[in-house]
Amino acid sequence: MKVMDYVLGLLQKKSTIDDSVDLDTFDYMENGYVDSLGVIQFVFDMEEEFGIAFTDEELASSSFRIVGELVKLIEKKLEEKE
């Protein structure tokens, strides 16, 4: 499964992200797809699915809230794991 597909699947549990949205700059928290409580489950699901762990610095980074940046971070962690 592609990282982007999995992340989008998690984000779209409540409502669909329009196809016209630029995912490289889309802030999923600002747009209401994940709230401050939901982010814990969101992070847990990704860590479980991909067998990775995010650092506190990564979680605190503003780029963690951007779909495209988050996907790049996960892909980088998967490469480092191999």
Protein backbone atom coordinates (compact mmCIF):
# COMPACT_ATOMS: atom_id res chain seq x y z
CA MET A 1 0.00 0.00 0.00
CA LYS A 2 1.28 3.43 -0.89
CA VAL A 3 1.93 5.80 2.00
CA MET A 4 -0.22 8.56 0.47
CA ASP A 5 -3.17 6.19 0.03
CA TYR A 6 -2.98 5.05 3.65
CA VAL A 7 -2.69 8.58 5.07
CA LEU A 8 -5.60 9.78 2.92
CA GLY A 9 -7.66 6.80 4.05
CA LEU A 10 -7.12 7.78 7.69
CA LEU A 11 -7.91 11.43 7.02
CA GLN A 12 -11.05 10.69 5.06
CA LYS A 13 -12.79 8.58 7.72
CA LYS A 14 -15.07 11.53 8.53
CA SER A 15 -15.31 13.31 5.18
CA THR A 16 -13.74 13.20 1.74
CA ILE A 17 -10.95 15.54 0.70
CA ASP A 18 -11.87 17.15 -2.61
CA ASP A 19 -9.78 16.04 -5.60
CA SER A 20 -8.92 19.67 -6.39
CA VAL A 21 -6.99 20.06 -3.09
CA ASP A 22 -3.20 20.35 -3.37
CA LEU A 23 -2.10 17.66 -0.93
CA ASP A 24 1.49 18.95 -0.89
CA THR A 25 0.28 22.04 0.99
CA PHE A 26 -2.94 20.76 2.64
CA ASP A 27 -3.02 21.28 6.44
CA TYR A 28 -5.30 18.49 7.68
CA MET A 29 -5.63 19.93 11.20
CA GLU A 30 -6.43 23.47 10.09
CA ASN A 31 -9.07 22.04 7.75
CA GLY A 32 -10.70 19.95 10.48
CA TYR A 33 -9.79 16.44 9.35
CA VAL A 34 -7.94 15.68 12.61
CA ASP A 35 -8.49 17.51 15.89
CA SER A 36 -6.12 17.80 18.82
CA LEU A 37 -7.52 14.64 20.43
CA GLY A 38 -7.74 12.69 17.19
CA VAL A 39 -4.11 13.36 16.33
CA ILE A 40 -3.00 10.84 18.98
CA GLN A 41 -4.96 8.03 17.30
CA PHE A 42 -3.87 9.29 13.85
CA VAL A 43 -0.18 9.11 14.84
CA PHE A 44 -0.65 5.73 16.53
CA ASP A 45 -2.33 4.25 13.43
CA MET A 46 0.51 5.41 11.17
CA GLU A 47 3.22 4.16 13.52
CA GLU A 48 1.50 0.76 13.76
CA GLU A 49 0.88 0.45 10.01
CA PHE A 50 4.42 1.31 8.97
CA GLY A 51 6.39 0.05 12.00
CA ILE A 52 7.93 3.47 12.62
CA ALA A 53 8.07 5.98 15.47
CA PHE A 54 7.84 9.75 15.25
CA THR A 55 10.05 11.90 17.46
CA ASP A 56 8.64 14.70 19.61
CA GLU A 57 10.39 17.17 17.30
CA GLU A 58 8.68 15.68 14.25
CA LEU A 59 5.28 15.75 15.93
CA ALA A 60 5.76 19.38 16.99
CA SER A 61 6.86 20.51 13.53
CA SER A 62 4.35 22.53 11.51
CA SER A 63 5.22 20.42 8.47
CA PHE A 64 3.79 17.35 10.27
CA ARG A 65 0.34 18.89 9.70
CA ILE A 66 0.84 19.08 5.92
CA VAL A 67 -0.20 15.92 4.05
CA GLY A 68 2.63 16.06 1.49
CA GLU A 69 5.31 16.70 4.12
CA LEU A 70 3.95 13.94 6.37
CA VAL A 71 4.03 11.42 3.50
CA LYS A 72 7.65 12.39 2.70
CA LEU A 73 8.60 11.96 6.37
CA ILE A 74 7.04 8.48 6.52
CA GLU A 75 8.71 7.44 3.26
CA LYS A 76 12.08 8.67 4.60
CA LYS A 77 11.60 6.68 7.81
CA LEU A 78 10.72 3.56 5.78
CA GLU A 79 13.89 3.94 3.69
CA GLU A 80 16.01 4.30 6.85
CA LYS A 81 14.39 1.17 8.25
CA GLU A 82 15.41 -1.02 5.29
